[in-house]
Amino acid sequence: LGRPFPLDQPGRDGTVGPAPEEGGEHSPYGFP
């Protein structure tokens, strides 16, 4: 939680998330 997910793949050009408005996930149990 609260950090970049470690995954090395070709062609990296940015990130998705972490904020919900940036595409980040929010737990149905009440927290991002």
Full PDB file with SEQRES, HELIX, SHEET, SSBOND, CRYST1, ORIGX, SCALE, CONECT and MASTER records, all heavy atoms in Angstrom:
SEQRES   1 A   32  LEU GLY ARG PRO PHE PRO LEU ASP GLN PRO GLY ARG ASP          
SEQRES   2 A   32  GLY THR VAL GLY PRO ALA PRO GLU GLU GLY GLY GLU HIS          
SEQRES   3 A   32  SER PRO TYR GLY PHE PRO                                      
HELIX    1 AA1 PRO A   20  GLU A   22  5                                   3    
CRYST1    1.000    1.000    1.000  90.00  90.00  90.00 P 1           1          
ORIGX1      1.000000  0.000000  0.000000        0.00000                         
ORIGX2      0.000000  1.000000  0.000000        0.00000                         
ORIGX3      0.000000  0.000000  1.000000        0.00000                         
SCALE1      1.000000  0.000000  0.000000        0.00000                         
SCALE2      0.000000  1.000000  0.000000        0.00000                         
SCALE3      0.000000  0.000000  1.000000        0.00000                         
ATOM      1  N   LEU A   1       0.820  -1.207   0.000  1.00  0.00           N  
ATOM      2  CA  LEU A   1       0.000   0.000   0.000  1.00  0.00           C  
ATOM      3  C   LEU A   1       0.857   1.262   0.000  1.00  0.00           C  
ATOM      4  O   LEU A   1       1.917   1.324   0.627  1.00  0.00           O  
ATOM      5  CB  LEU A   1      -0.926   0.004   1.218  1.00  0.00           C  
ATOM      6  CG  LEU A   1      -1.896  -1.175   1.344  1.00  0.00           C  
ATOM      7  CD1 LEU A   1      -2.772  -1.014   2.592  1.00  0.00           C  
ATOM      8  CD2 LEU A   1      -2.761  -1.313   0.098  1.00  0.00           C  
ATOM      9  N   GLY A   2       0.342   2.264  -0.725  1.00  0.00           N  
ATOM     10  CA  GLY A   2       0.959   3.582  -0.678  1.00  0.00           C  
ATOM     11  C   GLY A   2       2.301   3.697  -1.355  1.00  0.00           C  
ATOM     12  O   GLY A   2       3.082   4.597  -1.030  1.00  0.00           O  
ATOM     13  N   ARG A   3       2.602   2.812  -2.309  1.00  0.00           N  
ATOM     14  CA  ARG A   3       3.898   2.875  -2.977  1.00  0.00           C  
ATOM     15  C   ARG A   3       3.796   2.317  -4.400  1.00  0.00           C  
ATOM     16  O   ARG A   3       2.815   1.659  -4.747  1.00  0.00           O  
ATOM     17  CB  ARG A   3       4.957   2.114  -2.189  1.00  0.00           C  
ATOM     18  CG  ARG A   3       4.675   0.629  -2.022  1.00  0.00           C  
ATOM     19  CD  ARG A   3       5.723  -0.040  -1.151  1.00  0.00           C  
ATOM     20  NE  ARG A   3       5.712   0.511   0.200  1.00  0.00           N  
ATOM     21  CZ  ARG A   3       6.667   0.305   1.100  1.00  0.00           C  
ATOM     22  NH1 ARG A   3       7.737  -0.412   0.772  1.00  0.00           N  
ATOM     23  NH2 ARG A   3       6.577   0.823   2.310  1.00  0.00           N  
ATOM     24  N   PRO A   4       4.803   2.549  -5.222  1.00  0.00           N  
ATOM     25  CA  PRO A   4       4.785   1.996  -6.581  1.00  0.00           C  
ATOM     26  C   PRO A   4       4.852   0.470  -6.552  1.00  0.00           C  
ATOM     27  O   PRO A   4       5.572  -0.113  -5.737  1.00  0.00           O  
ATOM     28  CB  PRO A   4       6.036   2.593  -7.232  1.00  0.00           C  
ATOM     29  CG  PRO A   4       6.367   3.799  -6.412  1.00  0.00           C  
ATOM     30  CD  PRO A   4       5.949   3.461  -5.010  1.00  0.00           C  
ATOM     31  N   PHE A   5       4.104  -0.161  -7.435  1.00  0.00           N  
ATOM     32  CA  PHE A   5       4.133  -1.617  -7.533  1.00  0.00           C  
ATOM     33  C   PHE A   5       5.365  -2.023  -8.340  1.00  0.00           C  
ATOM     34  O   PHE A   5       5.571  -1.544  -9.463  1.00  0.00           O  
ATOM     35  CB  PHE A   5       2.871  -2.141  -8.221  1.00  0.00           C  
ATOM     36  CG  PHE A   5       2.761  -3.638  -8.204  1.00  0.00           C  
ATOM     37  CD1 PHE A   5       2.210  -4.286  -7.117  1.00  0.00           C  
ATOM     38  CD2 PHE A   5       3.222  -4.401  -9.269  1.00  0.00           C  
ATOM     39  CE1 PHE A   5       2.112  -5.672  -7.084  1.00  0.00           C  
ATOM     40  CE2 PHE A   5       3.124  -5.783  -9.248  1.00  0.00           C  
ATOM     41  CZ  PHE A   5       2.570  -6.427  -8.151  1.00  0.00           C  
ATOM     42  N   PRO A   6       6.191  -2.922  -7.814  1.00  0.00           N  
ATOM     43  CA  PRO A   6       7.434  -3.297  -8.505  1.00  0.00           C  
ATOM     44  C   PRO A   6       7.168  -4.225  -9.693  1.00  0.00           C  
ATOM     45  O   PRO A   6       6.832  -5.397  -9.518  1.00  0.00           O  
ATOM     46  CB  PRO A   6       8.241  -3.998  -7.407  1.00  0.00           C  
ATOM     47  CG  PRO A   6       7.211  -4.531  -6.453  1.00  0.00           C  
ATOM     48  CD  PRO A   6       6.055  -3.582  -6.494  1.00  0.00           C  
ATOM     49  N   LEU A   7       7.300  -3.692 -10.884  1.00  0.00           N  
ATOM     50  CA  LEU A   7       7.066  -4.477 -12.104  1.00  0.00           C  
ATOM     51  C   LEU A   7       7.855  -3.840 -13.234  1.00  0.00           C  
ATOM     52  O   LEU A   7       7.577  -2.707 -13.644  1.00  0.00           O  
ATOM     53  CB  LEU A   7       5.573  -4.505 -12.433  1.00  0.00           C  
ATOM     54  CG  LEU A   7       5.130  -5.443 -13.556  1.00  0.00           C  
ATOM     55  CD1 LEU A   7       5.398  -6.899 -13.185  1.00  0.00           C  
ATOM     56  CD2 LEU A   7       3.642  -5.246 -13.856  1.00  0.00           C  
ATOM     57  N   ASP A   8       8.841  -4.560 -13.736  1.00  0.00           N  
ATOM     58  CA  ASP A   8       9.713  -4.047 -14.792  1.00  0.00           C  
ATOM     59  C   ASP A   8       9.222  -4.565 -16.138  1.00  0.00           C  
ATOM     60  O   ASP A   8       9.280  -5.763 -16.406  1.00  0.00           O  
ATOM     61  CB  ASP A   8      11.158  -4.483 -14.528  1.00  0.00           C  
ATOM     62  CG  ASP A   8      12.123  -3.893 -15.535  1.00  0.00           C  
ATOM     63  OD1 ASP A   8      11.787  -2.865 -16.143  1.00  0.00           O  
ATOM     64  OD2 ASP A   8      13.211  -4.476 -15.722  1.00  0.00           O  
ATOM     65  N   GLN A   9       8.741  -3.674 -16.986  1.00  0.00           N  
ATOM     66  CA  GLN A   9       8.234  -4.045 -18.311  1.00  0.00           C  
ATOM     67  C   GLN A   9       8.779  -3.087 -19.369  1.00  0.00           C  
ATOM     68  O   GLN A   9       9.127  -1.943 -19.046  1.00  0.00           O  
ATOM     69  CB  GLN A   9       6.699  -3.999 -18.327  1.00  0.00           C  
ATOM     70  CG  GLN A   9       6.029  -4.991 -17.407  1.00  0.00           C  
ATOM     71  CD  GLN A   9       4.505  -4.982 -17.519  1.00  0.00           C  
ATOM     72  OE1 GLN A   9       3.860  -5.931 -17.104  1.00  0.00           O  
ATOM     73  NE2 GLN A   9       3.920  -3.913 -18.045  1.00  0.00           N  
ATOM     74  N   PRO A  10       8.822  -3.518 -20.620  1.00  0.00           N  
ATOM     75  CA  PRO A  10       9.312  -2.642 -21.686  1.00  0.00           C  
ATOM     76  C   PRO A  10       8.371  -1.456 -21.923  1.00  0.00           C  
ATOM     77  O   PRO A  10       7.183  -1.510 -21.616  1.00  0.00           O  
ATOM     78  CB  PRO A  10       9.332  -3.553 -22.918  1.00  0.00           C  
ATOM     79  CG  PRO A  10       9.251  -4.937 -22.408  1.00  0.00           C  
ATOM     80  CD  PRO A  10       8.505  -4.862 -21.113  1.00  0.00           C  
ATOM     81  N   GLY A  11       8.934  -0.389 -22.478  1.00  0.00           N  
ATOM     82  CA  GLY A  11       8.129   0.728 -22.962  1.00  0.00           C  
ATOM     83  C   GLY A  11       7.482   1.566 -21.893  1.00  0.00           C  
ATOM     84  O   GLY A  11       6.472   2.234 -22.156  1.00  0.00           O  
ATOM     85  N   ARG A  12       8.049   1.576 -20.702  1.00  0.00           N  
ATOM     86  CA  ARG A  12       7.410   2.342 -19.625  1.00  0.00           C  
ATOM     87  C   ARG A  12       7.385   3.830 -19.980  1.00  0.00           C  
ATOM     88  O   ARG A  12       8.401   4.415 -20.360  1.00  0.00           O  
ATOM     89  CB  ARG A  12       8.148   2.123 -18.313  1.00  0.00           C  
ATOM     90  CG  ARG A  12       7.538   2.913 -17.162  1.00  0.00           C  
ATOM     91  CD  ARG A  12       7.972   2.424 -15.810  1.00  0.00           C  
ATOM     92  NE  ARG A  12       7.384   3.219 -14.739  1.00  0.00           N  
ATOM     93  CZ  ARG A  12       7.433   2.900 -13.460  1.00  0.00           C  
ATOM     94  NH1 ARG A  12       8.030   1.773 -13.090  1.00  0.00           N  
ATOM     95  NH2 ARG A  12       6.881   3.675 -12.548  1.00  0.00           N  
ATOM     96  N   ASP A  13       6.201   4.442 -19.835  1.00  0.00           N  
ATOM     97  CA  ASP A  13       6.047   5.854 -20.180  1.00  0.00           C  
ATOM     98  C   ASP A  13       5.275   6.627 -19.109  1.00  0.00           C  
ATOM     99  O   ASP A  13       4.694   7.669 -19.397  1.00  0.00           O  
ATOM    100  CB  ASP A  13       5.365   6.011 -21.537  1.00  0.00           C  
ATOM    101  CG  ASP A  13       3.985   5.369 -21.599  1.00  0.00           C  
ATOM    102  OD1 ASP A  13       3.497   4.903 -20.545  1.00  0.00           O  
ATOM    103  OD2 ASP A  13       3.386   5.341 -22.699  1.00  0.00           O  
ATOM    104  N   GLY A  14       5.254   6.111 -17.871  1.00  0.00           N  
ATOM    105  CA  GLY A  14       4.557   6.805 -16.798  1.00  0.00           C  
ATOM    106  C   GLY A  14       3.947   5.829 -15.825  1.00  0.00           C  
ATOM    107  O   GLY A  14       4.340   4.656 -15.751  1.00  0.00           O  
ATOM    108  N   THR A  15       2.965   6.300 -15.070  1.00  0.00           N  
ATOM    109  CA  THR A  15       2.302   5.468 -14.079  1.00  0.00           C  
ATOM    110  C   THR A  15       0.795   5.656 -14.133  1.00  0.00           C  
ATOM    111  O   THR A  15       0.289   6.609 -14.721  1.00  0.00           O  
ATOM    112  CB  THR A  15       2.783   5.804 -12.651  1.00  0.00           C  
ATOM    113  OG1 THR A  15       2.498   7.187 -12.389  1.00  0.00           O  
ATOM    114  CG2 THR A  15       4.266   5.544 -12.491  1.00  0.00           C  
ATOM    115  N   VAL A  16       0.099   4.710 -13.510  1.00  0.00           N  
ATOM    116  CA  VAL A  16      -1.349   4.789 -13.293  1.00  0.00           C  
ATOM    117  C   VAL A  16      -1.565   4.832 -11.791  1.00  0.00           C  
ATOM    118  O   VAL A  16      -1.053   3.994 -11.056  1.00  0.00           O  
ATOM    119  CB  VAL A  16      -2.073   3.581 -13.897  1.00  0.00           C  
ATOM    120  CG1 VAL A  16      -3.550   3.611 -13.529  1.00  0.00           C  
ATOM    121  CG2 VAL A  16      -1.901   3.559 -15.408  1.00  0.00           C  
ATOM    122  N   GLY A  17      -2.359   5.791 -11.317  1.00  0.00           N  
ATOM    123  CA  GLY A  17      -2.572   5.957  -9.889  1.00  0.00           C  
ATOM    124  C   GLY A  17      -1.469   6.828  -9.309  1.00  0.00           C  
ATOM    125  O   GLY A  17      -0.683   7.432 -10.040  1.00  0.00           O  
ATOM    126  N   PRO A  18      -1.408   6.947  -7.948  1.00  0.00           N  
ATOM    127  CA  PRO A  18      -2.170   6.158  -6.977  1.00  0.00           C  
ATOM    128  C   PRO A  18      -3.539   6.719  -6.609  1.00  0.00           C  
ATOM    129  O   PRO A  18      -4.360   5.997  -6.063  1.00  0.00           O  
ATOM    130  CB  PRO A  18      -1.257   6.174  -5.752  1.00  0.00           C  
ATOM    131  CG  PRO A  18      -0.568   7.503  -5.840  1.00  0.00           C  
ATOM    132  CD  PRO A  18      -0.372   7.762  -7.312  1.00  0.00           C  
ATOM    133  N   ALA A  19      -3.767   8.003  -6.855  1.00  0.00           N  
ATOM    134  CA  ALA A  19      -5.035   8.602  -6.445  1.00  0.00           C  
ATOM    135  C   ALA A  19      -6.174   8.062  -7.297  1.00  0.00           C  
ATOM    136  O   ALA A  19      -5.988   7.769  -8.486  1.00  0.00           O  
ATOM    137  CB  ALA A  19      -4.970  10.121  -6.568  1.00  0.00           C  
ATOM    138  N   PRO A  20      -7.381   7.896  -6.723  1.00  0.00           N  
ATOM    139  CA  PRO A  20      -8.521   7.397  -7.502  1.00  0.00           C  
ATOM    140  C   PRO A  20      -8.773   8.201  -8.772  1.00  0.00           C  
ATOM    141  O   PRO A  20      -9.107   7.617  -9.809  1.00  0.00           O  
ATOM    142  CB  PRO A  20      -9.697   7.501  -6.521  1.00  0.00           C  
ATOM    143  CG  PRO A  20      -9.055   7.345  -5.175  1.00  0.00           C  
ATOM    144  CD  PRO A  20      -7.734   8.047  -5.290  1.00  0.00           C  
ATOM    145  N   GLU A  21      -8.601   9.513  -8.718  1.00  0.00           N  
ATOM    146  CA  GLU A  21      -8.830  10.323  -9.921  1.00  0.00           C  
ATOM    147  C   GLU A  21      -7.755  10.092 -10.978  1.00  0.00           C  
ATOM    148  O   GLU A  21      -7.917  10.471 -12.140  1.00  0.00           O  
ATOM    149  CB  GLU A  21      -8.903  11.810  -9.564  1.00  0.00           C  
ATOM    150  CG  GLU A  21      -7.659  12.392  -8.942  1.00  0.00           C  
ATOM    151  CD  GLU A  21      -7.639  12.274  -7.426  1.00  0.00           C  
ATOM    152  OE1 GLU A  21      -8.443  11.482  -6.874  1.00  0.00           O  
ATOM    153  OE2 GLU A  21      -6.834  12.975  -6.791  1.00  0.00           O  
ATOM    154  N   GLU A  22      -6.654   9.435 -10.593  1.00  0.00           N  
ATOM    155  CA  GLU A  22      -5.594   9.094 -11.535  1.00  0.00           C  
ATOM    156  C   GLU A  22      -5.659   7.628 -11.948  1.00  0.00           C  
ATOM    157  O   GLU A  22      -4.747   7.106 -12.567  1.00  0.00           O  
ATOM    158  CB  GLU A  22      -4.227   9.384 -10.895  1.00  0.00           C  
ATOM    159  CG  GLU A  22      -4.000  10.842 -10.548  1.00  0.00           C  
ATOM    160  CD  GLU A  22      -2.757  11.047  -9.703  1.00  0.00           C  
ATOM    161  OE1 GLU A  22      -2.253  10.050  -9.137  1.00  0.00           O  
ATOM    162  OE2 GLU A  22      -2.284  12.188  -9.603  1.00  0.00           O  
ATOM    163  N   GLY A  23      -6.749   6.970 -11.585  1.00  0.00           N  
ATOM    164  CA  GLY A  23      -6.898   5.561 -11.906  1.00  0.00           C  
ATOM    165  C   GLY A  23      -6.533   4.636 -10.771  1.00  0.00           C  
ATOM    166  O   GLY A  23      -6.505   3.412 -10.942  1.00  0.00           O  
ATOM    167  N   GLY A  24      -6.247   5.177  -9.584  1.00  0.00           N  
ATOM    168  CA  GLY A  24      -5.882   4.343  -8.442  1.00  0.00           C  
ATOM    169  C   GLY A  24      -7.080   3.623  -7.845  1.00  0.00           C  
ATOM    170  O   GLY A  24      -8.227   4.040  -8.002  1.00  0.00           O  
ATOM    171  N   GLU A  25      -6.794   2.545  -7.111  1.00  0.00           N  
ATOM    172  CA  GLU A  25      -7.852   1.716  -6.526  1.00  0.00           C  
ATOM    173  C   GLU A  25      -8.280   2.257  -5.161  1.00  0.00           C  
ATOM    174  O   GLU A  25      -7.481   2.850  -4.439  1.00  0.00           O  
ATOM    175  CB  GLU A  25      -7.355   0.279  -6.362  1.00  0.00           C  
ATOM    176  CG  GLU A  25      -6.982  -0.391  -7.667  1.00  0.00           C  
ATOM    177  CD  GLU A  25      -5.866  -1.390  -7.494  1.00  0.00           C  
ATOM    178  OE1 GLU A  25      -4.759  -0.976  -7.079  1.00  0.00           O  
ATOM    179  OE2 GLU A  25      -6.096  -2.582  -7.751  1.00  0.00           O  
ATOM    180  N   HIS A  26      -9.538   1.981  -4.831  1.00  0.00           N  
ATOM    181  CA  HIS A  26     -10.083   2.343  -3.526  1.00  0.00           C  
ATOM    182  C   HIS A  26     -10.795   1.116  -2.976  1.00  0.00           C  
ATOM    183  O   HIS A  26     -11.684   0.564  -3.612  1.00  0.00           O  
ATOM    184  CB  HIS A  26     -11.058   3.512  -3.656  1.00  0.00           C  
ATOM    185  CG  HIS A  26     -11.447   4.119  -2.343  1.00  0.00           C  
ATOM    186  ND1 HIS A  26     -12.401   3.553  -1.505  1.00  0.00           N  
ATOM    187  CD2 HIS A  26     -11.007   5.227  -1.705  1.00  0.00           C  
ATOM    188  CE1 HIS A  26     -12.529   4.293  -0.426  1.00  0.00           C  
ATOM    189  NE2 HIS A  26     -11.699   5.318  -0.512  1.00  0.00           N  
ATOM    190  N   SER A  27     -10.391   0.662  -1.787  1.00  0.00           N  
ATOM    191  CA  SER A  27     -10.988  -0.531  -1.206  1.00  0.00           C  
ATOM    192  C   SER A  27     -12.467  -0.316  -0.925  1.00  0.00           C  
ATOM    193  O   SER A  27     -12.851   0.720  -0.363  1.00  0.00           O  
ATOM    194  CB  SER A  27     -10.282  -0.900   0.102  1.00  0.00           C  
ATOM    195  OG  SER A  27     -10.999  -1.922   0.784  1.00  0.00           O  
ATOM    196  N   PRO A  28     -13.327  -1.282  -1.282  1.00  0.00           N  
ATOM    197  CA  PRO A  28     -14.727  -1.206  -0.876  1.00  0.00           C  
ATOM    198  C   PRO A  28     -14.907  -1.182   0.639  1.00  0.00           C  
ATOM    199  O   PRO A  28     -15.989  -0.876   1.125  1.00  0.00           O  
ATOM    200  CB  PRO A  28     -15.336  -2.475  -1.489  1.00  0.00           C  
ATOM    201  CG  PRO A  28     -14.451  -2.800  -2.636  1.00  0.00           C  
ATOM    202  CD  PRO A  28     -13.081  -2.429  -2.164  1.00  0.00           C  
ATOM    203  N   TYR A  29     -13.826  -1.502   1.362  1.00  0.00           N  
ATOM    204  CA  TYR A  29     -13.889  -1.451   2.822  1.00  0.00           C  
ATOM    205  C   TYR A  29     -13.501  -0.075   3.367  1.00  0.00           C  
ATOM    206  O   TYR A  29     -13.367   0.098   4.574  1.00  0.00           O  
ATOM    207  CB  TYR A  29     -13.019  -2.553   3.416  1.00  0.00           C  
ATOM    208  CG  TYR A  29     -13.651  -3.917   3.237  1.00  0.00           C  
ATOM    209  CD1 TYR A  29     -13.385  -4.687   2.121  1.00  0.00           C  
ATOM    210  CD2 TYR A  29     -14.556  -4.406   4.166  1.00  0.00           C  
ATOM    211  CE1 TYR A  29     -14.007  -5.918   1.935  1.00  0.00           C  
ATOM    212  CE2 TYR A  29     -15.169  -5.636   3.998  1.00  0.00           C  
ATOM    213  CZ  TYR A  29     -14.893  -6.385   2.878  1.00  0.00           C  
ATOM    214  OH  TYR A  29     -15.515  -7.598   2.694  1.00  0.00           O  
ATOM    215  N   GLY A  30     -13.327   0.903   2.448  1.00  0.00           N  
ATOM    216  CA  GLY A  30     -13.300   2.279   2.916  1.00  0.00           C  
ATOM    217  C   GLY A  30     -11.984   3.023   2.928  1.00  0.00           C  
ATOM    218  O   GLY A  30     -11.880   4.036   3.616  1.00  0.00           O  
ATOM    219  N   PHE A  31     -10.973   2.585   2.155  1.00  0.00           N  
ATOM    220  CA  PHE A  31      -9.720   3.347   2.149  1.00  0.00           C  
ATOM    221  C   PHE A  31      -9.030   3.193   0.790  1.00  0.00           C  
ATOM    222  O   PHE A  31      -9.191   2.184   0.104  1.00  0.00           O  
ATOM    223  CB  PHE A  31      -8.783   2.874   3.264  1.00  0.00           C  
ATOM    224  CG  PHE A  31      -8.400   1.415   3.174  1.00  0.00           C  
ATOM    225  CD1 PHE A  31      -7.266   1.002   2.487  1.00  0.00           C  
ATOM    226  CD2 PHE A  31      -9.168   0.444   3.801  1.00  0.00           C  
ATOM    227  CE1 PHE A  31      -6.930  -0.342   2.407  1.00  0.00           C  
ATOM    228  CE2 PHE A  31      -8.837  -0.901   3.733  1.00  0.00           C  
ATOM    229  CZ  PHE A  31      -7.715  -1.296   3.030  1.00  0.00           C  
ATOM    230  N   PRO A  32      -8.268   4.201   0.373  1.00  0.00           N  
ATOM    231  CA  PRO A  32      -7.525   4.096  -0.887  1.00  0.00           C  
ATOM    232  C   PRO A  32      -6.317   3.183  -0.725  1.00  0.00           C  
ATOM    233  O   PRO A  32      -5.673   3.168   0.328  1.00  0.00           O  
ATOM    234  CB  PRO A  32      -7.098   5.543  -1.162  1.00  0.00           C  
ATOM    235  CG  PRO A  32      -7.025   6.173   0.190  1.00  0.00           C  
ATOM    236  CD  PRO A  32      -8.092   5.513   1.023  1.00  0.00           C  
TER     237      PRO A  32                                                      
MASTER        0    0    0    1    0    0    0    6  236    1    0    3          
END                                                                             
